[in-house]
Amino acid sequence: MAKNIGWATDDAKTPLAPREFDRRPVGPEDVLIDIAYCGVCHSDVHQARDEFGGALATQWPCMPGHEIAGTIAEVGERVTAHAVGDRVGVGCLVYWGAEDQRGVTEEQYQQPPAVFTYNGNDPVTGEVTLGGYSDQVVVHEHFVLKIPDAIELSAAAPLLCAGVTTWSPLEHWKVGPGMKVGVAGLGGLGHLAVQLAKARGADEVVVLTTTPAKREEALALGADAVLDMTDEDAVSERASSLDFVLSTIPTPFDMKPYVELVAHDGALVSVGMLEPLEAGGLDMAAVSMKRVTVAGSLIGSIAETQQVLDFAAEHGIAAEVKVIPVQQVNEAFDEVVAKDVRFRYVIDNATLRRA
């Protein structure tokens, strides 16, 4: 009989459902993790419904989950960084793209690409990798993160993707004192970006939203101001006032009003959107006139993931989560797509064994 259980699907149209399977044996450099919680990322929805295409086209079966938090149940004989009982997490990556990449500092940008936690190719078995919507996972020790005691496991899970995805560009562009920062979108990524930018010492953090009803929530998270992007006059009044804009909008949108807000030599960086811009969504004249940098950023390195976990623990930053049984995950997917979520859904993996 299969030893493990998870929730997966065999095609883009079928909802996730229980699946019994076997994790590969623990190798000399591996750790086996009992998963306590797994965050629900918008990318999980895209992948399970095969909406990315291209290099990210979905392989089947698809068992999502790359915001994994739990405790170590077993370690391989050569493991030195972790021990049984440690509180740990796993993010988007589980192995290097090639053996000669060991020691690189930015695993996420190497060629060939690093192995994703799910929808990748397991370097040992050659089979598709299966993610954290499951009871256990086996991972090389390098890709396992230490979760500080100050962070609840359920709240730590979203930091392993949403947290580092916003932290990485803030770190790369050295966001901090003396800078005015805009955060576009206030969902799973955006609500963490606001807290992180503020804790890094930004002079002003402005939430850019098309949903004015989120104003009070944004201010409660530490934002200094909220700008309604549907109000053209309000946007014009703040033209060229922000040094850095981090967009967490996960689908194609009109970037022109956001570029308008960026100051000379400032930057607009998009995270979470892995699709072409909508037609006419960017005006290069406006970009060139102010020498604005328009860039993208992909998740974060293993080192950056540990940084954001430690930083969050030090500064009391936490993801706002709603813990759900895995049996509600398909409904959660629908709510994520409908933009009805103002927090991060997190699966209680103890519910996987329910009849």
Protein backbone atom coordinates (compact mmCIF):
# COMPACT_ATOMS: atom_id res chain seq x y z
CA MET A 1 0.00 0.00 0.00
CA ALA A 2 1.10 3.57 -0.70
CA LYS A 3 2.51 5.33 2.35
CA ASN A 4 1.70 8.94 1.51
CA ILE A 5 -1.40 10.94 0.73
CA GLY A 6 -1.93 14.23 -1.03
CA TRP A 7 -4.40 16.16 -3.16
CA ALA A 8 -3.76 16.26 -6.90
CA THR A 9 -5.33 16.37 -10.34
CA ASP A 10 -4.62 14.61 -13.64
CA ASP A 11 -5.84 17.35 -15.96
CA ALA A 12 -6.68 21.06 -16.11
CA LYS A 13 -10.44 20.61 -15.80
CA THR A 14 -10.66 18.20 -12.88
CA PRO A 15 -10.69 19.53 -9.28
CA LEU A 16 -8.01 18.40 -6.87
CA ALA A 17 -8.84 15.14 -5.12
CA PRO A 18 -7.15 12.69 -2.70
CA ARG A 19 -4.30 10.61 -4.11
CA GLU A 20 -2.21 7.92 -2.42
CA PHE A 21 1.45 7.74 -3.49
CA ASP A 22 4.96 7.06 -2.22
CA ARG A 23 7.64 9.64 -1.58
CA ARG A 24 11.10 8.57 -2.70
CA PRO A 25 13.44 7.15 -0.05
CA VAL A 26 15.55 9.56 2.00
CA GLY A 27 18.99 9.88 0.39
CA PRO A 28 22.28 10.67 2.17
CA GLU A 29 21.80 14.45 1.80
CA ASP A 30 17.99 14.49 2.15
CA VAL A 31 15.54 15.27 4.91
CA LEU A 32 12.02 13.90 5.34
CA ILE A 33 9.57 16.52 6.57
CA ASP A 34 6.21 15.91 8.21
CA ILE A 35 4.17 18.76 6.71
CA ALA A 36 1.99 20.66 9.17
CA TYR A 37 0.80 23.47 6.90
CA CYS A 38 0.99 24.49 3.26
CA GLY A 39 0.06 27.88 1.85
CA VAL A 40 -2.18 28.28 -1.20
CA CYS A 41 -0.43 30.44 -3.80
CA HIS A 42 -2.09 31.95 -6.89
CA SER A 43 0.56 30.07 -8.88
CA ASP A 44 -0.93 26.83 -7.55
CA VAL A 45 -4.18 27.73 -9.28
CA HIS A 46 -2.45 28.65 -12.55
CA GLN A 47 -0.45 25.43 -12.52
CA ALA A 48 -3.28 23.08 -11.59
CA ARG A 49 -5.38 24.61 -14.36
CA ASP A 50 -2.48 24.62 -16.86
CA GLU A 51 -2.72 28.38 -17.44
CA PHE A 52 0.99 29.18 -17.79
CA GLY A 53 1.95 27.19 -20.88
CA GLY A 54 5.40 27.31 -22.48
CA ALA A 55 8.26 26.31 -20.21
CA LEU A 56 5.83 26.22 -17.29
CA ALA A 57 3.25 23.99 -18.98
CA THR A 58 1.79 21.63 -16.42
CA GLN A 59 3.01 18.07 -16.07
CA TRP A 60 0.57 15.52 -14.70
CA PRO A 61 -0.24 14.54 -12.08
CA CYS A 62 -0.17 18.01 -10.55
CA MET A 63 0.07 18.16 -6.76
CA PRO A 64 0.63 21.84 -5.89
CA GLY A 65 2.16 23.43 -2.83
CA HIS A 66 5.41 25.37 -2.38
CA GLU A 67 4.80 27.10 0.94
CA ILE A 68 5.59 24.14 3.19
CA ALA A 69 6.05 24.29 6.96
CA GLY A 70 6.59 21.35 9.30
CA THR A 71 9.09 19.35 11.30
CA ILE A 72 11.88 17.01 10.29
CA ALA A 73 11.08 13.32 10.75
CA GLU A 74 14.27 11.79 9.29
CA VAL A 75 17.68 12.92 8.02
CA GLY A 76 20.16 11.31 5.66
CA GLU A 77 23.55 10.13 6.88
CA ARG A 78 25.44 13.12 5.43
CA VAL A 79 23.02 15.82 6.58
CA THR A 80 24.74 18.38 8.80
CA ALA A 81 22.52 21.48 8.74
CA HIS A 82 19.34 19.97 10.18
CA ALA A 83 18.18 17.47 12.78
CA VAL A 84 15.08 15.43 13.58
CA GLY A 85 12.48 17.63 15.27
CA ASP A 86 13.65 20.91 13.71
CA ARG A 87 10.95 23.38 12.63
CA VAL A 88 11.60 23.89 8.94
CA GLY A 89 10.13 25.08 5.68
CA VAL A 90 10.44 24.45 1.95
CA GLY A 91 9.72 27.06 -0.68
CA CYS A 92 9.62 26.94 -4.48
CA LEU A 93 12.83 24.98 -5.13
CA VAL A 94 14.04 21.51 -4.13
CA TYR A 95 17.21 20.96 -6.20
CA TRP A 96 19.70 22.64 -8.51
CA GLY A 97 19.23 22.51 -12.26
CA ALA A 98 22.66 20.87 -12.64
CA GLU A 99 25.24 19.52 -10.22
CA ASP A 100 27.78 22.23 -11.11
CA GLN A 101 25.35 24.84 -9.74
CA ARG A 102 26.05 23.81 -6.16
CA GLY A 103 27.35 26.89 -4.36
CA VAL A 104 25.63 29.47 -6.59
CA THR A 105 24.00 32.37 -4.77
CA GLU A 106 20.87 32.76 -6.91
CA GLU A 107 19.51 29.30 -7.53
CA GLN A 108 16.33 30.65 -9.13
CA TYR A 109 18.09 32.27 -12.10
CA GLN A 110 20.40 29.48 -13.25
CA GLN A 111 20.33 27.62 -16.57
CA PRO A 112 19.19 24.93 -16.71
CA PRO A 113 16.54 26.08 -14.24
CA ALA A 114 16.42 24.79 -10.69
CA VAL A 115 13.94 22.01 -9.90
CA PHE A 116 10.59 23.31 -8.69
CA THR A 117 8.92 21.83 -5.61
CA TYR A 118 6.09 20.70 -7.86
CA ASN A 119 5.78 20.51 -11.65
CA GLY A 120 9.51 19.86 -11.88
CA ASN A 121 11.46 16.71 -12.62
CA ASP A 122 12.75 14.84 -9.59
CA PRO A 123 16.56 14.53 -9.95
CA VAL A 124 16.51 11.05 -8.38
CA THR A 125 13.44 9.39 -9.87
CA GLY A 126 12.98 11.45 -13.04
CA GLU A 127 9.27 11.66 -12.26
CA VAL A 128 7.29 14.88 -11.82
CA THR A 129 7.83 16.51 -8.43
CA LEU A 130 4.81 16.58 -6.12
CA GLY A 131 4.28 19.51 -3.77
CA GLY A 132 3.12 20.30 -0.29
CA TYR A 133 -0.58 19.49 -0.53
CA SER A 134 0.56 16.23 1.06
CA ASP A 135 1.54 14.69 4.36
CA GLN A 136 5.32 14.53 3.81
CA VAL A 137 8.06 15.71 1.46
CA VAL A 138 11.67 14.62 0.84
CA VAL A 139 14.08 17.46 0.03
CA HIS A 140 17.83 17.98 -0.27
CA GLU A 141 19.05 19.70 2.90
CA HIS A 142 20.30 22.81 1.05
CA PHE A 143 16.73 23.73 0.13
CA VAL A 144 15.35 23.38 3.66
CA LEU A 145 14.90 26.60 5.68
CA LYS A 146 14.97 27.05 9.44
CA ILE A 147 11.76 28.57 10.82
CA PRO A 148 12.44 30.78 13.87
CA ASP A 149 10.56 29.87 17.04
CA ALA A 150 8.97 33.34 17.07
CA ILE A 151 6.84 32.49 14.01
CA GLU A 152 3.87 30.13 14.12
CA LEU A 153 4.21 27.41 11.49
CA SER A 154 0.91 28.35 9.86
CA ALA A 155 2.02 31.98 9.52
CA ALA A 156 5.49 30.99 8.36
CA ALA A 157 4.25 29.01 5.37
CA PRO A 158 3.40 32.03 3.14
CA LEU A 159 6.80 33.60 3.83
CA LEU A 160 8.40 30.75 1.87
CA CYS A 161 6.95 32.04 -1.42
CA ALA A 162 4.91 35.23 -0.98
CA GLY A 163 7.40 36.55 1.58
CA VAL A 164 10.60 35.94 -0.35
CA THR A 165 9.01 36.91 -3.68
CA THR A 166 8.47 40.41 -2.30
CA TRP A 167 11.61 40.49 -0.16
CA SER A 168 13.97 39.66 -3.03
CA PRO A 169 13.28 42.81 -5.12
CA LEU A 170 13.19 44.98 -2.00
CA GLU A 171 16.65 43.64 -1.18
CA HIS A 172 18.00 43.81 -4.74
CA TRP A 173 16.91 47.43 -5.25
CA LYS A 174 18.05 48.33 -1.72
CA VAL A 175 14.69 49.69 -0.61
CA GLY A 176 15.06 51.51 2.69
CA PRO A 177 15.45 54.95 4.31
CA GLY A 178 15.13 57.91 2.00
CA MET A 179 12.79 56.11 -0.40
CA LYS A 180 9.09 56.42 -1.14
CA VAL A 181 7.59 53.08 -2.08
CA GLY A 182 4.38 52.02 -3.78
CA VAL A 183 2.88 48.53 -3.40
CA ALA A 184 0.38 47.63 -6.10
CA GLY A 185 -2.16 45.07 -4.94
CA LEU A 186 -3.00 44.04 -1.39
CA GLY A 187 -3.41 40.30 -1.62
CA GLY A 188 -1.20 37.47 -0.39
CA LEU A 189 2.00 39.12 -1.66
CA GLY A 190 1.04 42.76 -1.26
CA HIS A 191 0.08 42.60 2.40
CA LEU A 192 3.55 41.21 3.17
CA ALA A 193 5.30 43.72 0.89
CA VAL A 194 3.76 46.62 2.84
CA GLN A 195 5.03 45.28 6.16
CA LEU A 196 8.48 44.45 4.80
CA ALA A 197 9.00 47.81 3.06
CA LYS A 198 7.94 49.68 6.19
CA ALA A 199 10.18 47.60 8.45
CA ARG A 200 13.11 48.18 6.07
CA GLY A 201 12.78 51.88 6.85
CA ALA A 202 11.12 53.32 3.75
CA ASP A 203 10.10 56.95 4.33
CA GLU A 204 6.64 56.36 2.90
CA VAL A 205 4.74 53.26 1.82
CA VAL A 206 1.72 53.85 -0.41
CA VAL A 207 -0.72 51.08 -1.30
CA LEU A 208 -1.91 51.33 -4.90
CA THR A 209 -5.27 49.66 -5.31
CA THR A 210 -8.35 49.54 -7.50
CA THR A 211 -10.36 48.52 -4.44
CA PRO A 212 -10.71 51.60 -2.18
CA ALA A 213 -12.50 49.46 0.41
CA LYS A 214 -9.09 48.05 1.35
CA ARG A 215 -7.98 51.42 2.74
CA GLU A 216 -8.41 50.64 6.43
CA GLU A 217 -6.75 47.26 6.07
CA ALA A 218 -3.78 48.83 4.27
CA LEU A 219 -3.32 51.44 6.98
CA ALA A 220 -3.57 48.78 9.69
CA LEU A 221 -0.70 46.92 8.01
CA GLY A 222 1.49 50.00 8.30
CA ALA A 223 0.91 51.81 5.00
CA ASP A 224 1.20 55.59 5.19
CA ALA A 225 -1.30 56.25 2.42
CA VAL A 226 -3.66 54.53 -0.01
CA LEU A 227 -4.04 55.64 -3.62
CA ASP A 228 -7.17 54.71 -5.57
CA MET A 229 -5.84 53.84 -9.02
CA THR A 230 -9.30 54.32 -10.55
CA ASP A 231 -9.17 58.02 -9.60
CA GLU A 232 -7.26 59.64 -12.48
CA ASP A 233 -6.99 63.01 -10.74
CA ALA A 234 -5.54 61.44 -7.61
CA VAL A 235 -3.00 59.51 -9.67
CA SER A 236 -1.98 62.68 -11.54
CA GLU A 237 -1.46 64.51 -8.25
CA ARG A 238 1.06 61.84 -7.22
CA ALA A 239 2.86 61.69 -10.56
CA SER A 240 6.64 61.06 -10.31
CA SER A 241 6.46 60.83 -6.51
CA LEU A 242 7.58 57.25 -5.87
CA ASP A 243 11.13 55.93 -6.05
CA PHE A 244 10.11 52.30 -6.24
CA VAL A 245 6.85 50.56 -7.14
CA LEU A 246 6.45 46.87 -6.45
CA SER A 247 3.56 45.36 -8.37
CA THR A 248 2.08 42.19 -6.93
CA ILE A 249 -0.76 42.12 -9.47
CA PRO A 250 -0.78 38.50 -10.73
CA THR A 251 -2.47 39.00 -14.11
CA PRO A 252 -1.87 41.31 -17.11
CA PHE A 253 -2.86 44.93 -16.43
CA ASP A 254 -2.39 48.45 -17.75
CA MET A 255 1.00 49.54 -16.40
CA LYS A 256 0.83 53.12 -17.69
CA PRO A 257 -0.78 54.72 -14.59
CA TYR A 258 1.78 52.96 -12.40
CA VAL A 259 4.72 54.18 -14.51
CA GLU A 260 3.26 57.68 -14.17
CA LEU A 261 3.82 57.45 -10.41
CA VAL A 262 7.52 56.53 -10.69
CA ALA A 263 10.10 59.27 -10.26
CA HIS A 264 13.15 59.93 -12.44
CA ASP A 265 15.54 56.97 -12.21
CA GLY A 266 12.98 55.02 -10.22
CA ALA A 267 11.88 51.45 -10.81
CA LEU A 268 8.66 49.52 -11.31
CA VAL A 269 9.17 45.84 -10.55
CA SER A 270 6.55 43.18 -11.19
CA VAL A 271 6.37 39.94 -9.21
CA GLY A 272 3.90 37.12 -9.60
CA MET A 273 2.82 37.93 -13.17
CA LEU A 274 4.31 35.44 -15.64
CA GLU A 275 2.24 36.36 -18.68
CA PRO A 276 2.62 38.85 -21.58
CA LEU A 277 1.51 42.43 -20.96
CA GLU A 278 -1.93 43.32 -22.20
CA ALA A 279 -1.94 45.14 -25.54
CA GLY A 280 -0.96 48.77 -25.04
CA GLY A 281 -0.16 48.19 -21.40
CA LEU A 282 3.17 50.01 -21.48
CA ASP A 283 4.19 53.34 -23.06
CA MET A 284 7.94 53.39 -23.70
CA ALA A 285 7.86 57.16 -24.21
CA ALA A 286 6.80 57.63 -20.59
CA VAL A 287 9.44 55.12 -19.49
CA SER A 288 12.21 56.81 -21.47
CA MET A 289 11.36 60.40 -20.51
CA LYS A 290 12.10 59.63 -16.84
CA ARG A 291 14.62 56.79 -17.37
CA VAL A 292 12.34 54.47 -15.43
CA THR A 293 13.41 50.87 -14.98
CA VAL A 294 10.62 48.37 -15.66
CA ALA A 295 11.68 44.96 -14.40
CA GLY A 296 10.53 41.59 -13.16
CA SER A 297 11.68 39.43 -10.28
CA LEU A 298 11.23 35.68 -9.78
CA ILE A 299 10.74 34.26 -6.27
CA GLY A 300 14.06 34.47 -4.35
CA SER A 301 17.19 32.55 -3.51
CA ILE A 302 17.52 30.10 -0.64
CA ALA A 303 19.66 32.64 1.23
CA GLU A 304 17.05 35.35 0.72
CA THR A 305 14.33 33.01 1.95
CA GLN A 306 16.21 32.49 5.19
CA GLN A 307 16.75 36.26 5.39
CA VAL A 308 13.05 37.04 5.17
CA LEU A 309 12.17 34.41 7.77
CA ASP A 310 14.72 35.85 10.19
CA PHE A 311 13.71 39.45 9.39
CA ALA A 312 10.03 38.68 9.92
CA ALA A 313 10.78 37.06 13.27
CA GLU A 314 12.90 40.04 14.36
CA HIS A 315 10.33 42.66 13.34
CA GLY A 316 7.13 40.85 14.26
CA ILE A 317 5.96 40.55 10.65
CA ALA A 318 3.40 37.86 9.94
CA ALA A 319 1.23 36.75 7.08
CA GLU A 320 -2.49 37.10 7.63
CA VAL A 321 -3.73 33.57 7.14
CA LYS A 322 -6.96 31.62 7.10
CA VAL A 323 -6.33 27.99 7.94
CA ILE A 324 -8.59 25.56 6.09
CA PRO A 325 -8.99 21.79 5.81
CA VAL A 326 -7.65 20.42 2.53
CA GLN A 327 -11.20 19.43 1.62
CA GLN A 328 -11.90 23.15 0.99
CA VAL A 329 -8.96 23.74 -1.33
CA ASN A 330 -10.96 23.78 -4.58
CA GLU A 331 -13.30 26.42 -3.17
CA ALA A 332 -10.22 28.37 -2.02
CA PHE A 333 -8.87 28.27 -5.59
CA ASP A 334 -12.10 29.82 -6.88
CA GLU A 335 -11.98 32.58 -4.28
CA VAL A 336 -8.35 33.38 -5.13
CA VAL A 337 -9.30 33.77 -8.79
CA ALA A 338 -12.30 35.93 -7.88
CA LYS A 339 -9.98 38.17 -5.80
CA ASP A 340 -12.18 37.62 -2.75
CA VAL A 341 -9.19 36.84 -0.53
CA ARG A 342 -7.54 39.44 1.71
CA PHE A 343 -5.24 36.98 3.41
CA ARG A 344 -3.38 33.77 2.56
CA TYR A 345 -5.22 30.49 2.62
CA VAL A 346 -3.15 27.88 4.45
CA ILE A 347 -4.00 24.18 4.43
CA ASP A 348 -3.98 22.28 7.72
CA ASN A 349 -2.25 19.14 6.45
CA ALA A 350 -3.48 17.12 9.43
CA THR A 351 -6.82 17.04 7.60
CA LEU A 352 -5.36 14.96 4.75
CA ARG A 353 -6.09 11.72 6.62
CA ARG A 354 -9.78 12.42 7.04
CA ALA A 355 -12.00 9.78 5.49
